[in-house]
N, C-alpha and C. Protein backbone atom coordinates (compact mmCIF):
# COMPACT_ATOMS: atom_id res chain seq x y z
N MET A 1 -17.32 -17.04 -9.64
CA MET A 1 -16.69 -15.82 -9.18
C MET A 1 -15.45 -15.55 -10.03
N LYS A 2 -15.33 -14.33 -10.49
CA LYS A 2 -14.17 -13.95 -11.29
C LYS A 2 -12.96 -13.75 -10.37
N CYS A 3 -11.81 -13.97 -10.93
CA CYS A 3 -10.56 -13.84 -10.18
C CYS A 3 -10.43 -12.44 -9.57
N SER A 4 -10.83 -11.41 -10.30
CA SER A 4 -10.70 -10.04 -9.81
C SER A 4 -11.64 -9.74 -8.65
N GLU A 5 -12.66 -10.58 -8.45
CA GLU A 5 -13.62 -10.37 -7.36
C GLU A 5 -13.22 -11.11 -6.09
N GLU A 6 -12.24 -11.99 -6.17
CA GLU A 6 -11.81 -12.74 -5.00
C GLU A 6 -11.05 -11.83 -4.04
N LYS A 7 -11.26 -12.03 -2.76
CA LYS A 7 -10.54 -11.27 -1.75
C LYS A 7 -9.15 -11.88 -1.58
N THR A 8 -8.14 -11.05 -1.67
CA THR A 8 -6.78 -11.54 -1.47
C THR A 8 -6.37 -11.33 -0.02
N ILE A 9 -5.55 -12.22 0.47
CA ILE A 9 -5.08 -12.15 1.85
C ILE A 9 -3.56 -12.18 1.83
N LEU A 10 -2.97 -11.21 2.49
CA LEU A 10 -1.51 -11.17 2.63
C LEU A 10 -1.10 -12.21 3.67
N VAL A 11 -0.22 -13.11 3.29
CA VAL A 11 0.21 -14.16 4.22
C VAL A 11 1.67 -14.03 4.63
N GLY A 12 2.41 -13.18 3.99
CA GLY A 12 3.81 -12.97 4.33
C GLY A 12 4.41 -11.86 3.51
N THR A 13 5.56 -11.40 3.93
CA THR A 13 6.24 -10.34 3.18
C THR A 13 7.74 -10.35 3.48
N HIS A 14 8.50 -9.80 2.56
CA HIS A 14 9.92 -9.51 2.76
C HIS A 14 10.04 -8.00 2.62
N ILE A 15 10.70 -7.37 3.54
CA ILE A 15 10.88 -5.92 3.48
C ILE A 15 12.37 -5.63 3.49
N ILE A 16 12.82 -4.90 2.49
CA ILE A 16 14.23 -4.51 2.41
C ILE A 16 14.27 -2.99 2.43
N TYR A 17 15.07 -2.43 3.33
CA TYR A 17 15.20 -0.98 3.42
C TYR A 17 16.63 -0.63 3.78
N ARG A 18 17.00 0.61 3.47
CA ARG A 18 18.34 1.09 3.79
C ARG A 18 18.35 1.73 5.16
N HIS A 19 19.54 2.02 5.63
CA HIS A 19 19.71 2.70 6.91
C HIS A 19 19.16 4.12 6.83
N GLY A 20 18.96 4.73 7.97
CA GLY A 20 18.51 6.12 8.02
C GLY A 20 19.65 7.08 7.71
N ASP A 21 19.36 8.38 7.86
CA ASP A 21 20.39 9.40 7.60
C ASP A 21 21.65 9.09 8.40
N ARG A 22 22.78 9.31 7.76
CA ARG A 22 24.07 9.05 8.40
C ARG A 22 24.97 10.25 8.21
N SER A 23 26.03 10.28 8.97
CA SER A 23 27.05 11.30 8.77
C SER A 23 27.84 10.94 7.51
N PRO A 24 28.60 11.88 6.96
CA PRO A 24 29.40 11.56 5.76
C PRO A 24 30.36 10.40 6.02
N ILE A 25 30.68 9.68 4.96
CA ILE A 25 31.63 8.56 5.07
C ILE A 25 33.06 9.09 5.21
N LEU A 26 33.36 10.16 4.51
CA LEU A 26 34.69 10.77 4.55
C LEU A 26 34.57 12.24 4.19
N SER A 27 35.66 12.93 4.33
CA SER A 27 35.69 14.36 4.04
C SER A 27 36.50 14.60 2.77
N TYR A 28 36.14 15.61 2.01
CA TYR A 28 36.94 15.94 0.84
C TYR A 28 38.18 16.73 1.29
N PRO A 29 39.25 16.72 0.51
CA PRO A 29 40.55 17.25 0.97
C PRO A 29 40.53 18.70 1.48
N GLU A 30 39.74 19.58 0.88
CA GLU A 30 39.74 20.98 1.28
C GLU A 30 38.73 21.31 2.38
N SER A 31 38.03 20.32 2.90
CA SER A 31 36.98 20.56 3.89
C SER A 31 37.57 21.05 5.20
N ILE A 32 36.89 22.01 5.81
CA ILE A 32 37.31 22.49 7.14
C ILE A 32 36.62 21.70 8.25
N VAL A 33 35.67 20.83 7.87
CA VAL A 33 34.95 20.00 8.83
C VAL A 33 35.57 18.61 8.81
N ASP A 34 36.06 18.17 9.97
CA ASP A 34 36.65 16.83 10.02
C ASP A 34 35.73 15.88 10.78
N GLU A 35 36.20 14.66 10.98
CA GLU A 35 35.38 13.62 11.59
C GLU A 35 34.89 13.99 12.99
N PHE A 36 35.64 14.78 13.71
CA PHE A 36 35.28 15.13 15.07
C PHE A 36 34.07 16.06 15.15
N PHE A 37 33.67 16.63 14.01
CA PHE A 37 32.47 17.47 13.96
C PHE A 37 31.22 16.64 14.23
N TRP A 38 31.26 15.37 13.83
CA TRP A 38 30.11 14.47 13.98
C TRP A 38 30.21 13.74 15.31
N PRO A 39 29.15 13.75 16.12
CA PRO A 39 29.22 13.17 17.47
C PRO A 39 29.76 11.73 17.51
N ASN A 40 29.42 10.90 16.52
CA ASN A 40 29.88 9.51 16.52
C ASN A 40 30.85 9.22 15.38
N GLY A 41 31.38 10.26 14.75
CA GLY A 41 32.34 10.06 13.67
C GLY A 41 31.69 9.86 12.32
N PHE A 42 32.50 9.57 11.32
CA PHE A 42 32.03 9.37 9.95
C PHE A 42 31.24 8.07 9.80
N GLY A 43 30.27 8.12 8.91
CA GLY A 43 29.53 6.92 8.53
C GLY A 43 28.57 6.38 9.57
N GLN A 44 28.24 7.18 10.57
CA GLN A 44 27.37 6.71 11.65
C GLN A 44 25.95 7.25 11.50
N LEU A 45 25.00 6.51 12.03
CA LEU A 45 23.60 6.92 12.00
C LEU A 45 23.43 8.17 12.85
N THR A 46 22.70 9.15 12.31
CA THR A 46 22.45 10.38 13.05
C THR A 46 21.15 10.25 13.85
N LEU A 47 20.90 11.21 14.72
CA LEU A 47 19.65 11.24 15.46
C LEU A 47 18.47 11.27 14.49
N ARG A 48 18.60 12.06 13.45
CA ARG A 48 17.55 12.12 12.43
C ARG A 48 17.33 10.74 11.80
N GLY A 49 18.42 10.02 11.54
CA GLY A 49 18.32 8.69 10.97
C GLY A 49 17.62 7.72 11.91
N GLN A 50 17.89 7.85 13.21
CA GLN A 50 17.20 7.01 14.19
C GLN A 50 15.69 7.29 14.17
N LEU A 51 15.34 8.57 14.15
CA LEU A 51 13.92 8.94 14.11
C LEU A 51 13.26 8.45 12.83
N GLN A 52 13.95 8.55 11.70
CA GLN A 52 13.41 8.05 10.43
C GLN A 52 13.07 6.56 10.55
N GLN A 53 13.98 5.81 11.15
CA GLN A 53 13.77 4.37 11.26
C GLN A 53 12.65 4.01 12.24
N ILE A 54 12.53 4.75 13.33
CA ILE A 54 11.43 4.52 14.27
C ILE A 54 10.10 4.77 13.55
N ARG A 55 10.04 5.87 12.81
CA ARG A 55 8.80 6.20 12.06
C ARG A 55 8.52 5.14 10.98
N LEU A 56 9.55 4.64 10.34
CA LEU A 56 9.37 3.59 9.34
C LEU A 56 8.82 2.32 10.01
N GLY A 57 9.33 1.98 11.18
CA GLY A 57 8.81 0.85 11.93
C GLY A 57 7.34 1.04 12.29
N GLN A 58 6.98 2.28 12.66
CA GLN A 58 5.58 2.57 12.96
C GLN A 58 4.71 2.40 11.72
N TYR A 59 5.24 2.82 10.58
CA TYR A 59 4.51 2.65 9.32
C TYR A 59 4.31 1.15 9.02
N PHE A 60 5.37 0.36 9.18
CA PHE A 60 5.25 -1.09 8.96
C PHE A 60 4.22 -1.69 9.92
N ARG A 61 4.20 -1.24 11.17
CA ARG A 61 3.22 -1.74 12.15
C ARG A 61 1.80 -1.47 11.66
N GLU A 62 1.59 -0.24 11.17
CA GLU A 62 0.25 0.12 10.67
C GLU A 62 -0.08 -0.65 9.39
N ARG A 63 0.84 -0.70 8.47
CA ARG A 63 0.62 -1.33 7.16
C ARG A 63 0.40 -2.83 7.28
N TYR A 64 1.14 -3.50 8.16
CA TYR A 64 1.07 -4.95 8.26
C TYR A 64 0.46 -5.42 9.58
N SER A 65 -0.41 -4.61 10.17
CA SER A 65 -0.99 -4.94 11.48
C SER A 65 -1.76 -6.25 11.47
N GLU A 66 -2.38 -6.60 10.37
CA GLU A 66 -3.12 -7.86 10.30
C GLU A 66 -2.19 -9.07 10.13
N LEU A 67 -0.97 -8.81 9.73
CA LEU A 67 0.00 -9.88 9.50
C LEU A 67 0.86 -10.15 10.75
N LEU A 68 1.10 -9.10 11.54
CA LEU A 68 2.01 -9.20 12.69
C LEU A 68 1.25 -9.31 14.02
N ASN A 69 1.84 -10.03 14.94
CA ASN A 69 1.35 -10.04 16.30
C ASN A 69 1.66 -8.67 16.91
N SER A 70 0.93 -8.26 17.93
CA SER A 70 1.18 -6.95 18.54
C SER A 70 2.47 -6.93 19.35
N THR A 71 2.95 -8.10 19.76
CA THR A 71 4.24 -8.20 20.44
C THR A 71 5.15 -9.13 19.63
N TYR A 72 6.42 -9.04 19.87
CA TYR A 72 7.40 -9.83 19.12
C TYR A 72 7.22 -11.32 19.36
N VAL A 73 7.17 -12.08 18.28
CA VAL A 73 7.12 -13.54 18.32
C VAL A 73 8.26 -14.04 17.42
N ALA A 74 9.22 -14.74 18.00
CA ALA A 74 10.44 -15.14 17.28
C ALA A 74 10.16 -15.91 16.00
N SER A 75 9.14 -16.75 15.99
CA SER A 75 8.86 -17.56 14.80
C SER A 75 8.18 -16.76 13.69
N GLU A 76 7.81 -15.54 13.98
CA GLU A 76 7.06 -14.71 13.04
C GLU A 76 7.95 -13.75 12.24
N VAL A 77 9.06 -13.34 12.82
CA VAL A 77 9.88 -12.28 12.22
C VAL A 77 11.36 -12.64 12.31
N THR A 78 12.09 -12.39 11.22
CA THR A 78 13.55 -12.50 11.22
C THR A 78 14.10 -11.20 10.67
N ILE A 79 15.03 -10.62 11.36
CA ILE A 79 15.63 -9.35 10.94
C ILE A 79 17.08 -9.61 10.59
N ARG A 80 17.50 -9.14 9.39
CA ARG A 80 18.88 -9.27 8.94
C ARG A 80 19.47 -7.89 8.73
N SER A 81 20.73 -7.76 8.98
CA SER A 81 21.43 -6.50 8.77
C SER A 81 22.87 -6.80 8.41
N THR A 82 23.51 -5.86 7.73
CA THR A 82 24.95 -5.95 7.58
C THR A 82 25.57 -5.62 8.92
N ASP A 83 26.82 -5.96 9.11
CA ASP A 83 27.48 -5.77 10.41
C ASP A 83 28.18 -4.41 10.46
N ASN A 84 27.40 -3.36 10.29
CA ASN A 84 27.90 -1.98 10.40
C ASN A 84 27.09 -1.28 11.47
N ASP A 85 27.72 -0.39 12.21
CA ASP A 85 27.01 0.32 13.27
C ASP A 85 25.72 0.96 12.76
N ARG A 86 25.78 1.70 11.65
CA ARG A 86 24.61 2.45 11.17
C ARG A 86 23.47 1.53 10.74
N THR A 87 23.80 0.36 10.17
CA THR A 87 22.74 -0.54 9.73
C THR A 87 22.14 -1.31 10.92
N LEU A 88 22.97 -1.68 11.87
CA LEU A 88 22.45 -2.33 13.08
C LEU A 88 21.59 -1.36 13.89
N MET A 89 22.06 -0.13 14.05
CA MET A 89 21.28 0.87 14.78
C MET A 89 19.97 1.18 14.04
N SER A 90 20.00 1.17 12.71
CA SER A 90 18.78 1.38 11.93
C SER A 90 17.79 0.25 12.19
N ALA A 91 18.28 -0.98 12.19
CA ALA A 91 17.40 -2.12 12.44
C ALA A 91 16.79 -2.03 13.84
N TYR A 92 17.60 -1.73 14.85
CA TYR A 92 17.08 -1.62 16.22
C TYR A 92 16.08 -0.47 16.35
N SER A 93 16.37 0.65 15.71
CA SER A 93 15.45 1.78 15.76
C SER A 93 14.14 1.45 15.07
N ASN A 94 14.24 0.76 13.93
CA ASN A 94 13.04 0.34 13.20
C ASN A 94 12.19 -0.57 14.08
N LEU A 95 12.84 -1.50 14.77
CA LEU A 95 12.11 -2.43 15.64
C LEU A 95 11.45 -1.72 16.81
N LEU A 96 12.04 -0.63 17.28
CA LEU A 96 11.42 0.15 18.34
C LEU A 96 10.06 0.69 17.88
N GLY A 97 9.98 1.14 16.61
CA GLY A 97 8.71 1.60 16.07
C GLY A 97 7.76 0.47 15.76
N LEU A 98 8.29 -0.66 15.35
CA LEU A 98 7.46 -1.80 14.96
C LEU A 98 6.87 -2.53 16.18
N TYR A 99 7.65 -2.66 17.25
CA TYR A 99 7.21 -3.38 18.44
C TYR A 99 7.41 -2.55 19.71
N PRO A 100 6.77 -1.39 19.82
CA PRO A 100 6.92 -0.62 21.06
C PRO A 100 6.17 -1.31 22.20
N THR A 101 6.69 -1.19 23.41
CA THR A 101 5.95 -1.75 24.54
C THR A 101 4.74 -0.88 24.86
N SER A 102 4.79 0.39 24.44
CA SER A 102 3.66 1.30 24.63
C SER A 102 3.67 2.34 23.52
N LYS A 103 2.71 2.30 22.61
CA LYS A 103 2.65 3.26 21.50
C LYS A 103 2.48 4.69 22.02
N GLU A 104 1.64 4.87 23.03
CA GLU A 104 1.39 6.21 23.57
C GLU A 104 2.66 6.81 24.16
N LYS A 105 3.39 6.01 24.95
CA LYS A 105 4.65 6.49 25.53
C LYS A 105 5.66 6.81 24.43
N LEU A 106 5.72 5.93 23.41
CA LEU A 106 6.68 6.15 22.33
C LEU A 106 6.36 7.44 21.58
N ASP A 107 5.10 7.70 21.29
CA ASP A 107 4.72 8.94 20.60
C ASP A 107 5.14 10.18 21.39
N LEU A 108 4.97 10.15 22.71
CA LEU A 108 5.38 11.28 23.56
C LEU A 108 6.90 11.44 23.55
N ILE A 109 7.60 10.31 23.63
CA ILE A 109 9.06 10.35 23.63
C ILE A 109 9.59 10.86 22.29
N LEU A 110 8.98 10.43 21.17
CA LEU A 110 9.42 10.91 19.86
C LEU A 110 9.23 12.41 19.74
N LEU A 111 8.14 12.93 20.25
CA LEU A 111 7.90 14.37 20.24
C LEU A 111 8.99 15.08 21.05
N GLU A 112 9.35 14.51 22.19
CA GLU A 112 10.41 15.08 23.03
C GLU A 112 11.76 15.06 22.31
N ILE A 113 12.07 13.96 21.63
CA ILE A 113 13.33 13.86 20.87
C ILE A 113 13.38 14.95 19.80
N GLU A 114 12.30 15.11 19.07
CA GLU A 114 12.26 16.11 17.99
C GLU A 114 12.41 17.52 18.54
N GLN A 115 11.83 17.80 19.71
CA GLN A 115 11.91 19.13 20.30
C GLN A 115 13.28 19.40 20.92
N ASP A 116 13.83 18.42 21.65
CA ASP A 116 15.09 18.61 22.37
C ASP A 116 16.32 18.26 21.54
N ASN A 117 16.12 17.54 20.43
CA ASN A 117 17.21 17.12 19.55
C ASN A 117 18.27 16.30 20.30
N LYS A 118 17.80 15.44 21.21
CA LYS A 118 18.71 14.53 21.92
C LYS A 118 17.98 13.25 22.26
N TRP A 119 18.75 12.18 22.42
CA TRP A 119 18.18 10.86 22.70
C TRP A 119 17.77 10.79 24.17
N PRO A 120 16.58 10.25 24.46
CA PRO A 120 16.11 10.20 25.85
C PRO A 120 16.83 9.12 26.66
N GLU A 121 16.75 9.24 27.97
CA GLU A 121 17.39 8.27 28.85
C GLU A 121 16.58 6.99 28.98
N VAL A 122 15.25 7.08 28.83
CA VAL A 122 14.38 5.92 29.01
C VAL A 122 13.49 5.76 27.77
N LEU A 123 13.40 4.52 27.29
CA LEU A 123 12.54 4.23 26.13
C LEU A 123 11.65 3.02 26.42
N PRO A 124 10.43 3.00 25.84
CA PRO A 124 9.59 1.80 25.95
C PRO A 124 10.05 0.79 24.90
N TRP A 125 11.02 -0.02 25.24
CA TRP A 125 11.70 -0.86 24.24
C TRP A 125 11.87 -2.27 24.77
N GLN A 126 11.82 -3.23 23.89
CA GLN A 126 12.14 -4.61 24.24
C GLN A 126 13.24 -5.10 23.31
N PRO A 127 14.22 -5.84 23.80
CA PRO A 127 15.28 -6.32 22.93
C PRO A 127 14.77 -7.37 21.95
N ILE A 128 15.11 -7.20 20.68
CA ILE A 128 14.73 -8.11 19.61
C ILE A 128 16.01 -8.40 18.82
N PRO A 129 16.32 -9.67 18.53
CA PRO A 129 17.57 -9.99 17.85
C PRO A 129 17.64 -9.49 16.41
N VAL A 130 18.81 -9.03 16.04
CA VAL A 130 19.12 -8.67 14.65
C VAL A 130 20.26 -9.57 14.24
N HIS A 131 20.09 -10.28 13.14
CA HIS A 131 21.09 -11.27 12.70
C HIS A 131 22.01 -10.69 11.62
N THR A 132 23.25 -11.12 11.66
CA THR A 132 24.21 -10.76 10.62
C THR A 132 24.86 -12.05 10.13
N VAL A 133 25.44 -11.98 8.94
CA VAL A 133 26.24 -13.09 8.42
C VAL A 133 27.55 -12.49 7.93
N PRO A 134 28.60 -13.28 7.87
CA PRO A 134 29.87 -12.75 7.38
C PRO A 134 29.71 -12.15 5.97
N LYS A 135 30.37 -11.05 5.75
CA LYS A 135 30.27 -10.35 4.47
C LYS A 135 30.62 -11.25 3.29
N SER A 136 31.54 -12.17 3.49
CA SER A 136 31.98 -13.05 2.40
C SER A 136 30.88 -13.97 1.89
N ILE A 137 29.85 -14.22 2.71
CA ILE A 137 28.76 -15.09 2.27
C ILE A 137 27.40 -14.39 2.30
N ASP A 138 27.40 -13.06 2.44
CA ASP A 138 26.15 -12.30 2.49
C ASP A 138 25.74 -11.89 1.08
N TYR A 139 24.80 -12.62 0.50
CA TYR A 139 24.34 -12.34 -0.85
C TYR A 139 23.02 -11.56 -0.85
N VAL A 140 22.56 -11.16 0.33
CA VAL A 140 21.32 -10.42 0.43
C VAL A 140 21.56 -8.94 0.74
N CYS A 141 22.39 -8.67 1.73
CA CYS A 141 22.55 -7.30 2.23
C CYS A 141 23.74 -6.54 1.67
N THR A 142 24.60 -7.18 0.89
CA THR A 142 25.73 -6.47 0.32
C THR A 142 25.75 -6.64 -1.19
N SER A 143 26.44 -5.75 -1.84
CA SER A 143 26.54 -5.83 -3.30
C SER A 143 27.95 -6.14 -3.76
N ASP A 144 28.83 -6.50 -2.84
CA ASP A 144 30.23 -6.74 -3.19
C ASP A 144 30.42 -7.95 -4.10
N PHE A 145 29.43 -8.85 -4.16
CA PHE A 145 29.60 -10.04 -4.98
C PHE A 145 29.34 -9.77 -6.47
N PHE A 146 28.84 -8.56 -6.79
CA PHE A 146 28.64 -8.21 -8.20
C PHE A 146 29.97 -7.82 -8.83
N ASP A 147 30.15 -8.18 -10.06
CA ASP A 147 31.35 -7.77 -10.79
C ASP A 147 31.14 -6.33 -11.25
N GLN A 148 31.77 -5.39 -10.54
CA GLN A 148 31.57 -3.96 -10.81
C GLN A 148 32.00 -3.56 -12.21
N SER A 149 32.90 -4.33 -12.84
CA SER A 149 33.37 -3.99 -14.18
C SER A 149 32.29 -4.18 -15.24
N THR A 150 31.23 -4.92 -14.92
CA THR A 150 30.16 -5.15 -15.90
C THR A 150 29.13 -4.03 -15.91
N ILE A 151 29.23 -3.10 -14.95
CA ILE A 151 28.27 -2.00 -14.89
C ILE A 151 28.75 -0.89 -15.81
N SER A 152 27.89 -0.47 -16.73
CA SER A 152 28.27 0.60 -17.66
C SER A 152 28.30 1.93 -16.92
N LYS A 153 29.26 2.74 -17.28
CA LYS A 153 29.41 4.04 -16.60
C LYS A 153 28.94 5.16 -17.46
């Protein structure tokens, strides 16, 4: 049998993704819009960003369905995030799409969120841990350890 004819089996994966849509980090000096314009202030995940992450989690569920259990199993998945509100909320939103307690209920709720443009009071959700490490030793989720002076401008 030739190598190209052998069936390959996915046995594991690492997935790295950024946070969803966020509000601006800061305002430019002449802007008439200040931080109070944004419901949660500057640099925070928006409702659109939450929806993006839920949909991304649903995509991961579909893409890796043969690799993942249908419910959360601690020994199967580890989630890492930087310790920022927008990245933690992105991770939790992503997990809602990846491990919903009911896909049908979640699809109806997502449709309601998109129509009403507000977060619902009840979600089919189970708590799943998201881990962080101190920024000073985080060599995976931050880029602060790179010497910025070596990057050509």
